[in-house]
């Protein structure tokens, strides 16, 4: 069985409770259907 980390599929940022700090390693990668995240790896 493979487990999924469900927050990686959230359409909106998930913030730490009572803060504006994102949970874990939140990185925006899609905006208006276009990929906006660029990796530093080739």
N, C-alpha and C. Protein backbone atom coordinates (compact mmCIF):
# COMPACT_ATOMS: atom_id res chain seq x y z
N UNK A 1 0.85 -1.17 0.00
CA UNK A 1 0.00 0.00 0.00
C UNK A 1 0.90 1.24 0.00
N UNK A 2 0.53 2.21 -0.80
CA UNK A 2 1.24 3.48 -0.84
C UNK A 2 0.42 4.53 -0.10
N UNK A 3 1.09 5.28 0.74
CA UNK A 3 0.39 6.33 1.49
C UNK A 3 0.63 7.66 0.82
N UNK A 4 -0.38 8.48 0.79
CA UNK A 4 -0.27 9.82 0.20
C UNK A 4 -0.24 10.86 1.31
N UNK A 5 0.57 11.85 1.11
CA UNK A 5 0.64 12.98 2.03
C UNK A 5 -0.35 14.00 1.49
N UNK A 6 -1.57 13.99 1.99
CA UNK A 6 -2.67 14.71 1.37
C UNK A 6 -2.48 16.21 1.24
N UNK A 7 -1.66 16.81 2.09
CA UNK A 7 -1.48 18.26 1.96
C UNK A 7 -0.74 18.61 0.68
N UNK A 8 -0.06 17.67 0.06
CA UNK A 8 0.65 17.99 -1.17
C UNK A 8 -0.32 18.17 -2.34
N UNK A 9 -1.57 17.82 -2.14
CA UNK A 9 -2.57 17.96 -3.20
C UNK A 9 -3.58 19.06 -2.91
N UNK A 10 -3.31 19.90 -1.94
CA UNK A 10 -4.24 20.97 -1.59
C UNK A 10 -4.21 22.09 -2.63
N UNK A 11 -5.36 22.54 -3.09
CA UNK A 11 -5.40 23.63 -4.06
C UNK A 11 -5.09 24.99 -3.43
N UNK A 12 -5.09 25.06 -2.12
CA UNK A 12 -4.82 26.31 -1.41
C UNK A 12 -3.71 26.07 -0.39
N UNK A 13 -2.97 27.11 -0.02
CA UNK A 13 -1.94 26.95 1.01
C UNK A 13 -2.55 26.51 2.34
N UNK A 14 -1.83 25.70 3.07
CA UNK A 14 -2.25 25.27 4.40
C UNK A 14 -1.31 25.95 5.39
N UNK A 15 -1.90 26.70 6.29
CA UNK A 15 -1.11 27.48 7.24
C UNK A 15 -1.09 26.84 8.62
N UNK A 16 -0.03 27.12 9.36
CA UNK A 16 0.04 26.67 10.74
C UNK A 16 -1.09 27.35 11.50
N UNK A 17 -1.68 26.66 12.46
CA UNK A 17 -2.81 27.23 13.20
C UNK A 17 -2.48 28.59 13.81
N UNK A 18 -3.41 29.51 13.63
CA UNK A 18 -3.33 30.86 14.20
C UNK A 18 -2.14 31.68 13.71
N UNK A 19 -1.61 31.36 12.53
CA UNK A 19 -0.50 32.12 11.96
C UNK A 19 -0.73 32.29 10.45
N UNK A 20 0.16 33.02 9.83
CA UNK A 20 0.15 33.13 8.37
C UNK A 20 1.35 32.39 7.77
N UNK A 21 2.03 31.59 8.61
CA UNK A 21 3.19 30.82 8.17
C UNK A 21 2.73 29.50 7.53
N UNK A 22 3.20 29.20 6.33
CA UNK A 22 2.76 27.97 5.68
C UNK A 22 3.28 26.72 6.41
N UNK A 23 2.49 25.67 6.34
CA UNK A 23 2.90 24.38 6.91
C UNK A 23 3.94 23.74 6.02
N UNK A 24 4.91 23.11 6.61
CA UNK A 24 5.90 22.29 5.93
C UNK A 24 6.65 23.08 4.86
N UNK A 25 6.78 22.54 3.68
CA UNK A 25 7.57 23.16 2.62
C UNK A 25 6.65 23.68 1.51
N UNK A 26 5.73 24.52 1.85
CA UNK A 26 4.77 25.01 0.88
C UNK A 26 5.47 25.80 -0.22
N UNK A 27 5.24 25.38 -1.45
CA UNK A 27 5.84 26.05 -2.61
C UNK A 27 4.75 26.19 -3.67
N UNK A 28 4.43 27.42 -4.07
CA UNK A 28 3.45 27.56 -5.14
C UNK A 28 4.05 27.07 -6.45
N UNK A 29 3.31 26.24 -7.20
CA UNK A 29 3.87 25.75 -8.44
C UNK A 29 2.93 25.85 -9.62
N UNK A 30 1.67 26.16 -9.38
CA UNK A 30 0.72 26.38 -10.47
C UNK A 30 -0.07 27.63 -10.19
N UNK A 31 -0.18 28.49 -11.18
CA UNK A 31 -0.96 29.71 -11.06
C UNK A 31 -1.71 29.89 -12.37
N UNK A 32 -3.02 30.02 -12.28
CA UNK A 32 -3.87 30.14 -13.47
C UNK A 32 -3.61 29.03 -14.48
N UNK A 33 -3.37 27.81 -13.95
CA UNK A 33 -3.16 26.65 -14.82
C UNK A 33 -1.78 26.56 -15.44
N UNK A 34 -0.89 27.48 -15.10
CA UNK A 34 0.46 27.48 -15.66
C UNK A 34 1.47 27.15 -14.56
N UNK A 35 2.50 26.38 -14.90
CA UNK A 35 3.56 26.07 -13.95
C UNK A 35 4.40 27.30 -13.69
N UNK A 36 4.53 27.67 -12.41
CA UNK A 36 5.31 28.85 -12.06
C UNK A 36 6.52 28.49 -11.22
N UNK A 37 6.63 27.24 -10.77
CA UNK A 37 7.75 26.82 -9.95
C UNK A 37 8.87 26.28 -10.84
N UNK A 38 10.06 26.79 -10.66
CA UNK A 38 11.21 26.33 -11.41
C UNK A 38 12.19 25.69 -10.44
N UNK A 39 12.61 24.48 -10.72
CA UNK A 39 13.59 23.82 -9.87
C UNK A 39 14.98 24.33 -10.22
N UNK A 40 15.90 24.15 -9.32
CA UNK A 40 17.28 24.55 -9.59
C UNK A 40 18.06 23.42 -10.24
N UNK A 41 17.42 22.25 -10.31
CA UNK A 41 18.07 21.11 -10.94
C UNK A 41 17.72 21.08 -12.43
N UNK A 42 18.64 20.56 -13.24
CA UNK A 42 18.47 20.49 -14.68
C UNK A 42 17.27 19.82 -15.10
